[in-house]
Amino acid sequence: MESKRVLMTFCLLFAAWGALIPAQGQTPSDAIMMPARNACLLANYNYGQFDQYWEGDRLRGNLTIATVKRTTVLPMVAVGITDKLNLYAGVPYVKTLSTDPNGGKFAGAQGFQDLGLALKYEVLKKVTSKGELSVLGTVGYSTPITNYLPDYMPYSLGFGAPEVALRGIVQYKMAQGLYFRAALAHLWRGYAEAERDYYYNNGSYYTSWMDVPNAWSAEGILGAWLLDYSLRIELSYSNLKSTSGDDIRAYNAPQPTNRVVMGQAGLMAQYYLPPAKKLGVLVYHNQALTGLNAPKIKNFGAGITYQFKFL
């Protein structure tokens, strides 16, 4: 029963990876380990839109492109290599468009974005009669798999640059099912290639290669398991902050070199269907609250998970 509960819990938290994709890269941040020789499949749909954005720290409306819409379909898989080591892989398909594309001059874009891979290792797990303390570490890597144009914001499918992420995770779960989790990650990003040989980033650069700023990502979560570990609800707050970069210039489009800061709140619910609890459904909503050179975006999503044992 306990191994089934652990596997079920992992599927829920693995699904949360998809919920975070609109704000940053595709790295898992849960604190539950998949047992060895078990796998979880996820199909996730996410819809986001915004009609305001922060130009530097000034909130402005989308006067020429109206409401920008972004749809993401994400298939993912998680595999338990050992009880303490898990592997993750996912490739999102993204479509962007605008409700009023300025007389047709700004078409949207669509296609596969970045391949995301991650390994998670359980460093410490201490169980007492009052609760359970978990400490984990994750290393992730993502890279574009199609030749999409990164310098086409806000319609671009992604940054167009490789990324390496290191994340530390700490969670404490009480015996009654209430839990608290915190995660901190550093994101190292490479260069994105634009279709121009000049750009401005606090100075003139005569090259097509844009230096995408590194970033810190922090997350805090309050969650609870209900109905004999069949229903999970979770309230979260995440923050992404670039370590360098420039501001969006007045009446100019954003570009991959911009210094981005975004604070986002989220609410998620997940339910596993009886009797076997192998099939689960997920719904969530995220809303950007604060920002710098970022869209004031809100996201709605739903997903289906299925867990099984192999070998």
Protein backbone atom coordinates (compact mmCIF):
# COMPACT_ATOMS: atom_id res chain seq x y z
CA MET A 1 0.00 0.00 0.00
CA GLU A 2 2.81 2.43 0.86
CA SER A 3 4.68 1.82 -2.41
CA LYS A 4 1.46 2.42 -4.37
CA ARG A 5 0.89 5.66 -2.42
CA VAL A 6 4.44 6.84 -3.16
CA LEU A 7 4.01 6.10 -6.86
CA MET A 8 0.64 7.83 -6.95
CA THR A 9 2.04 10.87 -5.17
CA PHE A 10 4.94 11.09 -7.59
CA CYS A 11 2.61 11.12 -10.58
CA LEU A 12 0.79 14.10 -9.11
CA LEU A 13 3.94 16.07 -8.46
CA PHE A 14 5.46 15.13 -11.80
CA ALA A 15 2.37 16.62 -13.43
CA ALA A 16 3.12 19.89 -11.64
CA TRP A 17 6.26 20.16 -13.79
CA GLY A 18 3.96 20.87 -16.75
CA ALA A 19 2.16 23.54 -14.81
CA LEU A 20 5.38 25.50 -14.38
CA ILE A 21 6.37 25.52 -18.02
CA PRO A 22 4.81 28.87 -18.91
CA ALA A 23 7.04 30.70 -16.37
CA GLN A 24 10.44 29.14 -16.91
CA GLY A 25 12.21 25.99 -17.98
CA GLN A 26 10.94 22.26 -17.76
CA THR A 27 12.65 20.99 -14.52
CA PRO A 28 10.70 18.94 -11.88
CA SER A 29 10.61 20.41 -8.37
CA ASP A 30 8.69 17.84 -6.33
CA ALA A 31 9.95 15.93 -3.29
CA ILE A 32 8.60 12.44 -4.01
CA MET A 33 10.63 9.65 -5.55
CA MET A 34 9.38 7.16 -8.12
CA PRO A 35 10.10 3.57 -6.97
CA ALA A 36 12.53 1.53 -9.07
CA ARG A 37 11.13 -0.04 -12.27
CA ASN A 38 8.05 2.20 -12.24
CA ALA A 39 7.02 4.86 -14.76
CA CYS A 40 4.50 7.69 -14.99
CA LEU A 41 3.13 9.19 -18.22
CA LEU A 42 1.67 12.69 -18.41
CA ALA A 43 -0.35 14.48 -21.11
CA ASN A 44 -0.70 18.14 -20.13
CA TYR A 45 -2.58 21.02 -21.81
CA ASN A 46 -1.90 24.64 -20.85
CA TYR A 47 -3.51 27.85 -22.10
CA GLY A 48 -2.12 31.27 -21.23
CA GLN A 49 -2.95 34.82 -22.28
CA PHE A 50 -2.00 38.41 -21.48
CA ASP A 51 -2.92 41.91 -22.65
CA GLN A 52 -0.48 43.77 -20.39
CA TYR A 53 3.28 43.54 -19.86
CA TRP A 54 6.00 45.18 -17.79
CA GLU A 55 8.32 47.39 -19.86
CA GLY A 56 11.07 47.57 -17.29
CA ASP A 57 8.98 48.09 -14.15
CA ARG A 58 6.22 50.02 -15.97
CA LEU A 59 3.01 48.10 -16.64
CA ARG A 60 1.74 48.76 -20.18
CA GLY A 61 -1.10 47.51 -22.37
CA ASN A 62 -0.70 45.61 -25.65
CA LEU A 63 -1.90 48.50 -27.83
CA THR A 64 -0.93 47.01 -31.22
CA ILE A 65 -1.15 43.25 -30.66
CA ALA A 66 -4.13 43.11 -28.26
CA THR A 67 -4.36 39.83 -26.35
CA VAL A 68 -1.50 37.38 -26.91
CA LYS A 69 -2.46 33.71 -26.51
CA ARG A 70 -0.11 30.81 -25.84
CA THR A 71 -1.10 27.14 -25.94
CA THR A 72 1.22 24.33 -24.81
CA VAL A 73 0.70 20.59 -25.16
CA LEU A 74 3.25 18.64 -23.14
CA PRO A 75 3.81 14.85 -23.21
CA MET A 76 6.23 13.71 -20.48
CA VAL A 77 7.55 10.53 -18.91
CA ALA A 78 9.21 9.80 -15.58
CA VAL A 79 11.14 6.62 -14.83
CA GLY A 80 12.36 5.21 -11.53
CA ILE A 81 15.91 4.02 -12.22
CA THR A 82 16.41 3.20 -8.53
CA ASP A 83 14.43 4.12 -5.43
CA LYS A 84 16.73 7.12 -4.99
CA LEU A 85 17.35 8.15 -8.62
CA ASN A 86 14.68 9.25 -11.11
CA LEU A 87 14.84 10.27 -14.78
CA TYR A 88 12.48 12.76 -16.47
CA ALA A 89 11.95 13.68 -20.14
CA GLY A 90 9.48 15.96 -21.91
CA VAL A 91 9.01 17.86 -25.18
CA PRO A 92 6.34 20.61 -25.33
CA TYR A 93 4.50 21.64 -28.48
CA VAL A 94 3.73 25.39 -28.40
CA LYS A 95 1.39 27.58 -30.44
CA THR A 96 1.22 31.39 -30.15
CA LEU A 97 -1.09 33.94 -31.76
CA SER A 98 -2.74 37.31 -31.19
CA THR A 99 -6.41 38.28 -31.23
CA ASP A 100 -5.57 41.34 -33.32
CA PRO A 101 -2.30 40.73 -35.17
CA ASN A 102 -1.92 44.32 -36.39
CA GLY A 103 -3.51 43.80 -39.81
CA GLY A 104 -1.80 40.45 -40.27
CA LYS A 105 1.73 41.81 -39.95
CA PHE A 106 2.46 39.72 -36.85
CA ALA A 107 1.59 36.08 -37.34
CA GLY A 108 1.97 33.63 -34.50
CA ALA A 109 4.28 30.63 -34.37
CA GLN A 110 3.92 26.95 -33.61
CA GLY A 111 6.11 23.88 -33.28
CA PHE A 112 8.06 21.74 -30.85
CA GLN A 113 10.06 23.78 -28.37
CA ASP A 114 12.88 22.30 -26.20
CA LEU A 115 13.76 18.79 -25.14
CA GLY A 116 13.93 18.73 -21.34
CA LEU A 117 15.85 16.08 -19.39
CA ALA A 118 16.40 15.86 -15.63
CA LEU A 119 17.80 13.57 -12.96
CA LYS A 120 16.65 13.78 -9.35
CA TYR A 121 18.43 12.20 -6.38
CA GLU A 122 17.11 11.73 -2.85
CA VAL A 123 19.86 12.95 -0.53
CA LEU A 124 18.03 12.47 2.80
CA LYS A 125 14.74 11.06 4.02
CA LYS A 126 13.97 11.02 7.74
CA VAL A 127 10.66 9.62 9.01
CA THR A 128 9.34 10.12 12.55
CA SER A 129 5.97 9.62 14.21
CA LYS A 130 5.20 13.32 13.66
CA GLY A 131 6.19 13.64 10.02
CA GLU A 132 8.68 13.15 7.21
CA LEU A 133 11.63 15.32 6.16
CA SER A 134 13.00 15.02 2.61
CA VAL A 135 16.03 16.67 0.99
CA LEU A 136 16.64 16.21 -2.74
CA GLY A 137 18.78 17.55 -5.56
CA THR A 138 17.92 17.86 -9.26
CA VAL A 139 20.06 18.51 -12.31
CA GLY A 140 18.30 19.38 -15.56
CA TYR A 141 19.21 20.15 -19.15
CA SER A 142 17.11 21.54 -22.00
CA THR A 143 17.92 22.46 -25.59
CA PRO A 144 15.88 23.48 -28.67
CA ILE A 145 14.99 20.61 -30.99
CA THR A 146 13.59 22.75 -33.82
CA ASN A 147 14.89 25.81 -35.61
CA TYR A 148 12.37 28.24 -34.15
CA LEU A 149 13.09 31.97 -34.00
CA PRO A 150 13.86 33.11 -30.42
CA ASP A 151 14.02 36.81 -31.37
CA TYR A 152 10.30 36.99 -32.15
CA MET A 153 8.87 37.87 -28.75
CA PRO A 154 6.19 37.69 -27.52
CA TYR A 155 5.33 35.07 -30.17
CA SER A 156 8.57 33.10 -29.88
CA LEU A 157 8.25 29.47 -28.79
CA GLY A 158 11.13 29.83 -26.30
CA PHE A 159 14.51 31.40 -25.52
CA GLY A 160 16.26 29.33 -28.19
CA ALA A 161 19.23 28.66 -25.91
CA PRO A 162 20.47 25.59 -24.00
CA GLU A 163 19.95 25.62 -20.24
CA VAL A 164 21.47 23.73 -17.30
CA ALA A 165 19.61 23.86 -13.99
CA LEU A 166 20.65 22.79 -10.49
CA ARG A 167 17.88 22.67 -7.88
CA GLY A 168 17.76 21.95 -4.16
CA ILE A 169 14.45 20.81 -2.62
CA VAL A 170 13.38 20.55 1.03
CA GLN A 171 9.99 19.28 2.14
CA TYR A 172 8.38 18.49 5.48
CA LYS A 173 5.16 16.46 5.47
CA MET A 174 3.09 16.05 8.60
CA ALA A 175 1.48 12.74 9.51
CA GLN A 176 -1.97 14.22 8.79
CA GLY A 177 -1.06 14.90 5.14
CA LEU A 178 -0.27 18.63 5.32
CA TYR A 179 3.13 19.53 3.82
CA PHE A 180 5.43 22.47 3.17
CA ARG A 181 8.01 22.54 0.38
CA ALA A 182 10.68 24.99 -0.74
CA ALA A 183 12.96 24.82 -3.78
CA LEU A 184 15.83 26.99 -5.02
CA ALA A 185 17.46 26.63 -8.44
CA HIS A 186 20.13 28.34 -10.50
CA LEU A 187 19.71 28.35 -14.29
CA TRP A 188 22.75 28.63 -16.56
CA ARG A 189 21.74 29.67 -20.07
CA GLY A 190 23.68 29.81 -23.32
CA TYR A 191 23.37 31.86 -26.49
CA ALA A 192 20.39 32.23 -28.83
CA GLU A 193 20.85 32.96 -32.55
CA ALA A 194 18.73 35.74 -34.04
CA GLU A 195 18.02 36.50 -37.70
CA ARG A 196 19.90 39.80 -37.58
CA ASP A 197 23.54 40.78 -37.13
CA TYR A 198 23.04 43.73 -34.77
CA TYR A 199 21.20 44.28 -31.49
CA TYR A 200 21.35 46.59 -28.49
CA ASN A 201 21.91 45.31 -24.94
CA ASN A 202 23.12 48.25 -22.85
CA GLY A 203 25.47 48.80 -25.77
CA SER A 204 25.81 47.83 -29.45
CA TYR A 205 26.54 44.21 -30.45
CA TYR A 206 27.39 43.41 -34.08
CA THR A 207 26.57 39.70 -34.00
CA SER A 208 23.56 37.42 -34.41
CA TRP A 209 24.28 35.62 -31.11
CA MET A 210 22.38 36.91 -28.09
CA ASP A 211 23.57 36.17 -24.56
CA VAL A 212 20.51 34.91 -22.64
CA PRO A 213 20.86 35.91 -18.95
CA ASN A 214 21.26 33.30 -16.23
CA ALA A 215 18.58 33.27 -13.54
CA TRP A 216 17.57 32.20 -10.04
CA SER A 217 14.28 30.43 -9.44
CA ALA A 218 12.63 30.05 -6.00
CA GLU A 219 9.40 28.32 -5.06
CA GLY A 220 7.33 27.86 -1.91
CA ILE A 221 4.39 25.45 -1.65
CA LEU A 222 1.70 24.67 0.91
CA GLY A 223 -0.19 21.48 0.14
CA ALA A 224 -2.39 18.80 1.64
CA TRP A 225 -3.48 15.23 0.89
CA LEU A 226 -7.17 14.48 1.43
CA LEU A 227 -9.63 11.60 0.98
CA ASP A 228 -7.16 8.87 1.94
CA TYR A 229 -4.44 10.25 -0.37
CA SER A 230 -6.75 10.37 -3.40
CA LEU A 231 -7.05 14.18 -3.60
CA ARG A 232 -4.25 16.71 -3.37
CA ILE A 233 -4.61 20.48 -3.31
CA GLU A 234 -1.68 22.86 -3.47
CA LEU A 235 -1.10 26.60 -3.19
CA SER A 236 2.21 27.87 -4.57
CA TYR A 237 4.27 31.00 -5.13
CA SER A 238 7.27 31.07 -7.46
CA ASN A 239 9.74 33.76 -8.42
CA LEU A 240 12.14 33.95 -11.36
CA LYS A 241 14.93 36.55 -11.41
CA SER A 242 17.59 37.08 -14.08
CA THR A 243 21.13 37.82 -12.90
CA SER A 244 21.86 40.28 -15.74
CA GLY A 245 20.38 41.70 -18.93
CA ASP A 246 18.74 44.87 -20.22
CA ASP A 247 15.28 46.44 -20.02
CA ILE A 248 12.77 46.50 -22.86
CA ARG A 249 13.22 49.86 -24.54
CA ALA A 250 10.21 52.13 -25.04
CA TYR A 251 8.07 51.11 -28.03
CA ASN A 252 10.38 48.17 -28.80
CA ALA A 253 9.71 44.45 -28.69
CA PRO A 254 11.28 42.28 -25.97
CA GLN A 255 14.32 40.15 -26.84
CA PRO A 256 16.18 37.18 -25.28
CA THR A 257 18.77 39.46 -23.61
CA ASN A 258 16.18 41.15 -21.36
CA ARG A 259 16.48 41.00 -17.57
CA VAL A 260 13.32 39.18 -16.48
CA VAL A 261 11.73 39.10 -13.03
CA MET A 262 8.38 37.44 -12.41
CA GLY A 263 6.40 36.52 -9.30
CA GLN A 264 3.60 34.02 -9.86
CA ALA A 265 0.93 32.48 -7.62
CA GLY A 266 -0.75 29.18 -8.41
CA LEU A 267 -3.49 26.81 -7.29
CA MET A 268 -3.63 23.14 -8.25
CA ALA A 269 -5.88 20.16 -7.55
CA GLN A 270 -5.28 16.53 -8.47
CA TYR A 271 -7.53 13.51 -8.06
CA TYR A 272 -6.76 9.83 -8.62
CA LEU A 273 -9.61 7.67 -9.81
CA PRO A 274 -10.52 4.53 -7.83
CA PRO A 275 -10.23 1.65 -7.51
CA ALA A 276 -6.59 1.16 -8.66
CA LYS A 277 -5.67 4.90 -8.57
CA LYS A 278 -3.38 4.47 -11.55
CA LEU A 279 -5.21 7.11 -13.60
CA GLY A 280 -5.23 10.70 -12.36
CA VAL A 281 -6.62 14.07 -13.50
CA LEU A 282 -5.10 17.48 -12.79
CA VAL A 283 -6.38 21.08 -13.04
CA TYR A 284 -4.50 24.27 -12.16
CA HIS A 285 -4.39 28.04 -12.53
CA ASN A 286 -1.36 30.38 -12.35
CA GLN A 287 -1.34 34.18 -12.31
CA ALA A 288 1.63 36.56 -12.68
CA LEU A 289 1.46 39.15 -9.88
CA THR A 290 4.69 41.11 -10.20
CA GLY A 291 7.17 41.49 -13.00
CA LEU A 292 10.03 43.23 -14.76
CA ASN A 293 10.30 42.96 -18.58
CA ALA A 294 7.70 40.19 -18.44
CA PRO A 295 4.11 39.56 -19.51
CA LYS A 296 1.32 39.78 -16.92
CA ILE A 297 0.15 36.34 -17.95
CA LYS A 298 -2.46 34.01 -16.51
CA ASN A 299 -2.51 30.28 -17.26
CA PHE A 300 -5.14 27.59 -17.06
CA GLY A 301 -4.30 23.94 -17.51
CA ALA A 302 -5.38 20.32 -17.20
CA GLY A 303 -3.55 17.03 -17.39
CA ILE A 304 -3.95 13.26 -17.27
CA THR A 305 -1.42 10.95 -15.60
CA TYR A 306 -1.05 7.18 -15.77
CA GLN A 307 1.39 5.15 -13.68
CA PHE A 308 2.54 1.56 -14.23
CA LYS A 309 5.27 -0.88 -13.32
CA PHE A 310 7.69 -2.25 -15.91
CA LEU A 311 10.37 -4.98 -15.87
